[in-house]
């Protein structure tokens, strides 16, 4: 999901945006999801794509839908 022009939000940017809106740091989100903090960091930097199972957990933890995370604005 790399974006050349930088105007569109990637999955990682959206995860970071929703996480900060919920007042969570990466460590807290990692604990909720049962993954490591580096995993969250890698997802947010678009270095790693989460599995569908993890994506569902992320959406639930951040109180948003999967569509909110994956659809381009």
PDB file of N, CA and C in Angstrom:
ATOM      1  N   UNK A   1       0.803  -1.193   0.000  1.00  0.00           N
ATOM      2  CA  UNK A   1       0.000   0.000   0.000  1.00  0.00           C
ATOM      3  C   UNK A   1       0.851   1.263   0.000  1.00  0.00           C
ATOM      4  N   UNK A   2       1.953   1.279  -0.708  1.00  0.00           N
ATOM      5  CA  UNK A   2       2.728   2.508  -0.739  1.00  0.00           C
ATOM      6  C   UNK A   2       2.076   3.502  -1.684  1.00  0.00           C
ATOM      7  N   UNK A   3       2.107   4.736  -1.302  1.00  0.00           N
ATOM      8  CA  UNK A   3       1.464   5.794  -2.070  1.00  0.00           C
ATOM      9  C   UNK A   3       2.549   6.748  -2.551  1.00  0.00           C
ATOM     10  N   UNK A   4       2.630   6.954  -3.856  1.00  0.00           N
ATOM     11  CA  UNK A   4       3.683   7.793  -4.418  1.00  0.00           C
ATOM     12  C   UNK A   4       3.529   9.257  -4.061  1.00  0.00           C
ATOM     13  N   UNK A   5       2.315   9.784  -4.148  1.00  0.00           N
ATOM     14  CA  UNK A   5       2.135  11.215  -3.939  1.00  0.00           C
ATOM     15  C   UNK A   5       2.012  11.610  -2.474  1.00  0.00           C
ATOM     16  N   UNK A   6       1.863  10.657  -1.581  1.00  0.00           N
ATOM     17  CA  UNK A   6       1.788  10.944  -0.152  1.00  0.00           C
ATOM     18  C   UNK A   6       0.474  11.561   0.297  1.00  0.00           C
ATOM     19  N   UNK A   7      -0.428  11.849  -0.621  1.00  0.00           N
ATOM     20  CA  UNK A   7      -1.689  12.500  -0.262  1.00  0.00           C
ATOM     21  C   UNK A   7      -2.689  11.513   0.327  1.00  0.00           C
ATOM     22  N   UNK A   8      -2.599  10.276  -0.084  1.00  0.00           N
ATOM     23  CA  UNK A   8      -3.541   9.271   0.393  1.00  0.00           C
ATOM     24  C   UNK A   8      -2.994   8.615   1.653  1.00  0.00           C
ATOM     25  N   UNK A   9      -3.896   8.214   2.519  1.00  0.00           N
ATOM     26  CA  UNK A   9      -3.488   7.563   3.752  1.00  0.00           C
ATOM     27  C   UNK A   9      -3.335   6.067   3.537  1.00  0.00           C
ATOM     28  N   UNK A  10      -2.279   5.524   4.095  1.00  0.00           N
ATOM     29  CA  UNK A  10      -2.049   4.089   4.039  1.00  0.00           C
ATOM     30  C   UNK A  10      -2.716   3.429   5.233  1.00  0.00           C
ATOM     31  N   UNK A  11      -2.771   2.127   5.199  1.00  0.00           N
ATOM     32  CA  UNK A  11      -3.303   1.370   6.334  1.00  0.00           C
ATOM     33  C   UNK A  11      -2.540   1.741   7.602  1.00  0.00           C
ATOM     34  N   UNK A  12      -1.228   1.786   7.514  1.00  0.00           N
ATOM     35  CA  UNK A  12      -0.410   2.104   8.681  1.00  0.00           C
ATOM     36  C   UNK A  12      -0.717   3.467   9.259  1.00  0.00           C
ATOM     37  N   UNK A  13      -0.866   4.462   8.394  1.00  0.00           N
ATOM     38  CA  UNK A  13      -1.185   5.809   8.870  1.00  0.00           C
ATOM     39  C   UNK A  13      -2.546   5.842   9.537  1.00  0.00           C
ATOM     40  N   UNK A  14      -3.484   5.092   8.989  1.00  0.00           N
ATOM     41  CA  UNK A  14      -4.827   5.069   9.584  1.00  0.00           C
ATOM     42  C   UNK A  14      -4.814   4.370  10.935  1.00  0.00           C
ATOM     43  N   UNK A  15      -4.058   3.271  11.052  1.00  0.00           N
ATOM     44  CA  UNK A  15      -3.951   2.593  12.349  1.00  0.00           C
ATOM     45  C   UNK A  15      -3.376   3.563  13.377  1.00  0.00           C
ATOM     46  N   UNK A  16      -2.315   4.281  13.015  1.00  0.00           N
ATOM     47  CA  UNK A  16      -1.710   5.252  13.931  1.00  0.00           C
ATOM     48  C   UNK A  16      -2.710   6.340  14.310  1.00  0.00           C
ATOM     49  N   UNK A  17      -3.439   6.842  13.322  1.00  0.00           N
ATOM     50  CA  UNK A  17      -4.416   7.905  13.579  1.00  0.00           C
ATOM     51  C   UNK A  17      -5.493   7.451  14.561  1.00  0.00           C
ATOM     52  N   UNK A  18      -6.089   6.282  14.311  1.00  0.00           N
ATOM     53  CA  UNK A  18      -7.138   5.779  15.207  1.00  0.00           C
ATOM     54  C   UNK A  18      -6.562   5.428  16.583  1.00  0.00           C
ATOM     55  N   UNK A  19      -5.333   4.908  16.624  1.00  0.00           N
ATOM     56  CA  UNK A  19      -4.715   4.558  17.909  1.00  0.00           C
ATOM     57  C   UNK A  19      -4.515   5.804  18.764  1.00  0.00           C
ATOM     58  N   UNK A  20      -4.003   6.871  18.146  1.00  0.00           N
ATOM     59  CA  UNK A  20      -3.780   8.089  18.925  1.00  0.00           C
ATOM     60  C   UNK A  20      -5.093   8.743  19.332  1.00  0.00           C
ATOM     61  N   UNK A  21      -6.122   8.657  18.485  1.00  0.00           N
ATOM     62  CA  UNK A  21      -7.441   9.179  18.856  1.00  0.00           C
ATOM     63  C   UNK A  21      -7.998   8.456  20.078  1.00  0.00           C
ATOM     64  N   UNK A  22      -7.672   7.173  20.208  1.00  0.00           N
ATOM     65  CA  UNK A  22      -8.141   6.383  21.356  1.00  0.00           C
ATOM     66  C   UNK A  22      -7.255   6.588  22.583  1.00  0.00           C
ATOM     67  N   UNK A  23      -6.167   7.338  22.425  1.00  0.00           N
ATOM     68  CA  UNK A  23      -5.281   7.618  23.550  1.00  0.00           C
ATOM     69  C   UNK A  23      -4.388   6.455  23.921  1.00  0.00           C
ATOM     70  N   UNK A  24      -4.098   5.590  22.967  1.00  0.00           N
ATOM     71  CA  UNK A  24      -3.252   4.425  23.229  1.00  0.00           C
ATOM     72  C   UNK A  24      -1.863   4.641  22.647  1.00  0.00           C
ATOM     73  N   UNK A  25      -0.846   4.121  23.330  1.00  0.00           N
ATOM     74  CA  UNK A  25       0.465   4.090  22.708  1.00  0.00           C
ATOM     75  C   UNK A  25       0.640   2.716  22.059  1.00  0.00           C
ATOM     76  N   UNK A  26       1.730   2.546  21.331  1.00  0.00           N
ATOM     77  CA  UNK A  26       1.929   1.287  20.607  1.00  0.00           C
ATOM     78  C   UNK A  26       1.995   0.094  21.545  1.00  0.00           C
ATOM     79  N   UNK A  27       2.613   0.276  22.688  1.00  0.00           N
ATOM     80  CA  UNK A  27       2.732  -0.820  23.653  1.00  0.00           C
ATOM     81  C   UNK A  27       1.362  -1.263  24.156  1.00  0.00           C
ATOM     82  N   UNK A  28       0.506  -0.279  24.456  1.00  0.00           N
ATOM     83  CA  UNK A  28      -0.837  -0.605  24.951  1.00  0.00           C
ATOM     84  C   UNK A  28      -1.656  -1.342  23.895  1.00  0.00           C
ATOM     85  N   UNK A  29      -1.594  -0.876  22.638  1.00  0.00           N
ATOM     86  CA  UNK A  29      -2.323  -1.557  21.578  1.00  0.00           C
ATOM     87  C   UNK A  29      -1.783  -2.969  21.380  1.00  0.00           C
ATOM     88  N   UNK A  30      -0.475  -3.111  21.451  1.00  0.00           N
ATOM     89  CA  UNK A  30       0.138  -4.438  21.307  1.00  0.00           C
ATOM     90  C   UNK A  30      -0.357  -5.387  22.388  1.00  0.00           C
ATOM     91  N   UNK A  31      -0.458  -4.907  23.621  1.00  0.00           N
ATOM     92  CA  UNK A  31      -0.951  -5.750  24.717  1.00  0.00           C
ATOM     93  C   UNK A  31      -2.400  -6.178  24.474  1.00  0.00           C
ATOM     94  N   UNK A  32      -3.222  -5.250  24.017  1.00  0.00           N
ATOM     95  CA  UNK A  32      -4.628  -5.559  23.737  1.00  0.00           C
ATOM     96  C   UNK A  32      -4.737  -6.633  22.653  1.00  0.00           C
ATOM     97  N   UNK A  33      -3.879  -6.515  21.631  1.00  0.00           N
ATOM     98  CA  UNK A  33      -3.953  -7.432  20.483  1.00  0.00           C
ATOM     99  C   UNK A  33      -3.204  -8.730  20.705  1.00  0.00           C
ATOM    100  N   UNK A  34      -2.341  -8.776  21.702  1.00  0.00           N
ATOM    101  CA  UNK A  34      -1.539  -9.971  21.935  1.00  0.00           C
ATOM    102  C   UNK A  34      -0.406 -10.108  20.933  1.00  0.00           C
ATOM    103  N   UNK A  35       0.148  -8.957  20.514  1.00  0.00           N
ATOM    104  CA  UNK A  35       1.297  -8.954  19.604  1.00  0.00           C
ATOM    105  C   UNK A  35       2.397  -8.111  20.244  1.00  0.00           C
ATOM    106  N   UNK A  36       3.556  -8.064  19.598  1.00  0.00           N
ATOM    107  CA  UNK A  36       4.660  -7.278  20.141  1.00  0.00           C
ATOM    108  C   UNK A  36       4.550  -5.816  19.722  1.00  0.00           C
ATOM    109  N   UNK A  37       5.183  -4.951  20.491  1.00  0.00           N
ATOM    110  CA  UNK A  37       5.230  -3.528  20.133  1.00  0.00           C
ATOM    111  C   UNK A  37       5.890  -3.298  18.774  1.00  0.00           C
ATOM    112  N   UNK A  38       6.994  -4.019  18.469  1.00  0.00           N
ATOM    113  CA  UNK A  38       7.579  -3.851  17.134  1.00  0.00           C
ATOM    114  C   UNK A  38       6.613  -4.230  15.997  1.00  0.00           C
ATOM    115  N   UNK A  39       5.720  -5.163  16.254  1.00  0.00           N
ATOM    116  CA  UNK A  39       4.726  -5.518  15.236  1.00  0.00           C
ATOM    117  C   UNK A  39       3.834  -4.328  14.938  1.00  0.00           C
ATOM    118  N   UNK A  40       3.375  -3.640  15.972  1.00  0.00           N
ATOM    119  CA  UNK A  40       2.535  -2.452  15.775  1.00  0.00           C
ATOM    120  C   UNK A  40       3.326  -1.389  15.027  1.00  0.00           C
ATOM    121  N   UNK A  41       4.566  -1.169  15.428  1.00  0.00           N
ATOM    122  CA  UNK A  41       5.416  -0.189  14.764  1.00  0.00           C
ATOM    123  C   UNK A  41       5.571  -0.524  13.278  1.00  0.00           C
ATOM    124  N   UNK A  42       5.806  -1.777  12.972  1.00  0.00           N
ATOM    125  CA  UNK A  42       5.981  -2.189  11.579  1.00  0.00           C
ATOM    126  C   UNK A  42       4.693  -2.029  10.774  1.00  0.00           C
ATOM    127  N   UNK A  43       3.556  -2.290  11.386  1.00  0.00           N
ATOM    128  CA  UNK A  43       2.270  -2.085  10.700  1.00  0.00           C
ATOM    129  C   UNK A  43       2.076  -0.598  10.424  1.00  0.00           C
ATOM    130  N   UNK A  44       2.338   0.233  11.414  1.00  0.00           N
ATOM    131  CA  UNK A  44       2.132   1.669  11.256  1.00  0.00           C
ATOM    132  C   UNK A  44       3.091   2.289  10.248  1.00  0.00           C
ATOM    133  N   UNK A  45       4.263   1.699  10.068  1.00  0.00           N
ATOM    134  CA  UNK A  45       5.226   2.206   9.089  1.00  0.00           C
ATOM    135  C   UNK A  45       5.077   1.506   7.734  1.00  0.00           C
ATOM    136  N   UNK A  46       4.023   0.699   7.603  1.00  0.00           N
ATOM    137  CA  UNK A  46       3.747  -0.043   6.372  1.00  0.00           C
ATOM    138  C   UNK A  46       4.890  -0.969   5.974  1.00  0.00           C
ATOM    139  N   UNK A  47       5.590  -1.480   6.980  1.00  0.00           N
ATOM    140  CA  UNK A  47       6.646  -2.461   6.758  1.00  0.00           C
ATOM    141  C   UNK A  47       6.092  -3.879   6.854  1.00  0.00           C
ATOM    142  N   UNK A  48       4.914  -4.003   7.470  1.00  0.00           N
ATOM    143  CA  UNK A  48       4.271  -5.304   7.647  1.00  0.00           C
ATOM    144  C   UNK A  48       2.779  -5.132   7.438  1.00  0.00           C
ATOM    145  N   UNK A  49       2.194  -6.069   6.715  1.00  0.00           N
ATOM    146  CA  UNK A  49       0.745  -6.073   6.518  1.00  0.00           C
ATOM    147  C   UNK A  49       0.139  -7.068   7.503  1.00  0.00           C
ATOM    148  N   UNK A  50      -0.816  -6.620   8.313  1.00  0.00           N
ATOM    149  CA  UNK A  50      -1.405  -7.546   9.288  1.00  0.00           C
ATOM    150  C   UNK A  50      -2.261  -8.606   8.601  1.00  0.00           C
ATOM    151  N   UNK A  51      -2.349  -9.753   9.237  1.00  0.00           N
ATOM    152  CA  UNK A  51      -3.251 -10.791   8.747  1.00  0.00           C
ATOM    153  C   UNK A  51      -4.682 -10.305   8.917  1.00  0.00           C
ATOM    154  N   UNK A  52      -5.614 -10.954   8.257  1.00  0.00           N
ATOM    155  CA  UNK A  52      -7.020 -10.580   8.398  1.00  0.00           C
ATOM    156  C   UNK A  52      -7.461 -10.701   9.850  1.00  0.00           C
ATOM    157  N   UNK A  53      -7.021 -11.743  10.519  1.00  0.00           N
ATOM    158  CA  UNK A  53      -7.368 -11.943  11.932  1.00  0.00           C
ATOM    159  C   UNK A  53      -6.873 -10.770  12.785  1.00  0.00           C
ATOM    160  N   UNK A  54      -5.646 -10.351  12.550  1.00  0.00           N
ATOM    161  CA  UNK A  54      -5.091  -9.221  13.303  1.00  0.00           C
ATOM    162  C   UNK A  54      -5.787  -7.927  12.931  1.00  0.00           C
ATOM    163  N   UNK A  55      -6.129  -7.761  11.661  1.00  0.00           N
ATOM    164  CA  UNK A  55      -6.835  -6.565  11.214  1.00  0.00           C
ATOM    165  C   UNK A  55      -8.194  -6.445  11.895  1.00  0.00           C
ATOM    166  N   UNK A  56      -8.880  -7.560  12.048  1.00  0.00           N
ATOM    167  CA  UNK A  56     -10.165  -7.564  12.761  1.00  0.00           C
ATOM    168  C   UNK A  56      -9.950  -7.132  14.208  1.00  0.00           C
ATOM    169  N   UNK A  57      -8.920  -7.660  14.853  1.00  0.00           N
ATOM    170  CA  UNK A  57      -8.619  -7.287  16.242  1.00  0.00           C
ATOM    171  C   UNK A  57      -8.281  -5.803  16.356  1.00  0.00           C
ATOM    172  N   UNK A  58      -7.504  -5.301  15.393  1.00  0.00           N
ATOM    173  CA  UNK A  58      -7.143  -3.879  15.400  1.00  0.00           C
ATOM    174  C   UNK A  58      -8.399  -3.023  15.311  1.00  0.00           C
ATOM    175  N   UNK A  59      -9.275  -3.348  14.373  1.00  0.00           N
ATOM    176  CA  UNK A  59     -10.503  -2.569  14.188  1.00  0.00           C
ATOM    177  C   UNK A  59     -11.348  -2.584  15.462  1.00  0.00           C
ATOM    178  N   UNK A  60     -11.482  -3.741  16.091  1.00  0.00           N
ATOM    179  CA  UNK A  60     -12.263  -3.823  17.331  1.00  0.00           C
ATOM    180  C   UNK A  60     -11.622  -3.000  18.441  1.00  0.00           C
ATOM    181  N   UNK A  61     -10.307  -3.113  18.573  1.00  0.00           N
ATOM    182  CA  UNK A  61      -9.607  -2.389  19.642  1.00  0.00           C
ATOM    183  C   UNK A  61      -9.677  -0.880  19.441  1.00  0.00           C
ATOM    184  N   UNK A  62      -9.716  -0.449  18.186  1.00  0.00           N
ATOM    185  CA  UNK A  62      -9.720   0.985  17.895  1.00  0.00           C
ATOM    186  C   UNK A  62     -11.122   1.532  17.658  1.00  0.00           C
ATOM    187  N   UNK A  63     -12.125   0.668  17.842  1.00  0.00           N
ATOM    188  CA  UNK A  63     -13.537   1.053  17.703  1.00  0.00           C
ATOM    189  C   UNK A  63     -13.825   1.657  16.333  1.00  0.00           C
ATOM    190  N   UNK A  64     -13.364   0.971  15.313  1.00  0.00           N
ATOM    191  CA  UNK A  64     -13.642   1.397  13.946  1.00  0.00           C
ATOM    192  C   UNK A  64     -13.891   0.145  13.118  1.00  0.00           C
ATOM    193  N   UNK A  65     -14.253   0.334  11.875  1.00  0.00           N
ATOM    194  CA  UNK A  65     -14.484  -0.815  11.007  1.00  0.00           C
ATOM    195  C   UNK A  65     -13.226  -1.105  10.191  1.00  0.00           C
ATOM    196  N   UNK A  66     -13.162  -2.298   9.651  1.00  0.00           N
ATOM    197  CA  UNK A  66     -12.060  -2.634   8.757  1.00  0.00           C
ATOM    198  C   UNK A  66     -12.077  -1.688   7.565  1.00  0.00           C
ATOM    199  N   UNK A  67     -13.259  -1.362   7.073  1.00  0.00           N
ATOM    200  CA  UNK A  67     -13.370  -0.420   5.955  1.00  0.00           C
ATOM    201  C   UNK A  67     -12.742   0.920   6.293  1.00  0.00           C
ATOM    202  N   UNK A  68     -12.912   1.385   7.523  1.00  0.00           N
ATOM    203  CA  UNK A  68     -12.284   2.644   7.937  1.00  0.00           C
ATOM    204  C   UNK A  68     -10.768   2.591   7.776  1.00  0.00           C
ATOM    205  N   UNK A  69     -10.209   1.422   8.003  1.00  0.00           N
ATOM    206  CA  UNK A  69      -8.757   1.258   7.961  1.00  0.00           C
ATOM    207  C   UNK A  69      -8.213   1.033   6.556  1.00  0.00           C
ATOM    208  N   UNK A  70      -8.971   0.360   5.710  1.00  0.00           N
ATOM    209  CA  UNK A  70      -8.415  -0.036   4.411  1.00  0.00           C
ATOM    210  C   UNK A  70      -8.882   0.802   3.231  1.00  0.00           C
ATOM    211  N   UNK A  71      -9.994   1.495   3.351  1.00  0.00           N
ATOM    212  CA  UNK A  71     -10.478   2.289   2.226  1.00  0.00           C
ATOM    213  C   UNK A  71      -9.709   3.582   2.106  1.00  0.00           C
ATOM    214  N   UNK A  72      -9.394   3.934   0.870  1.00  0.00           N
ATOM    215  CA  UNK A  72      -8.728   5.198   0.624  1.00  0.00           C
ATOM    216  C   UNK A  72      -9.736   6.322   0.746  1.00  0.00           C
ATOM    217  N   UNK A  73      -9.253   7.449   1.208  1.00  0.00           N
ATOM    218  CA  UNK A  73     -10.129   8.612   1.376  1.00  0.00           C
ATOM    219  C   UNK A  73     -10.493   9.231   0.053  1.00  0.00           C
TER     220      UNK A  73
END
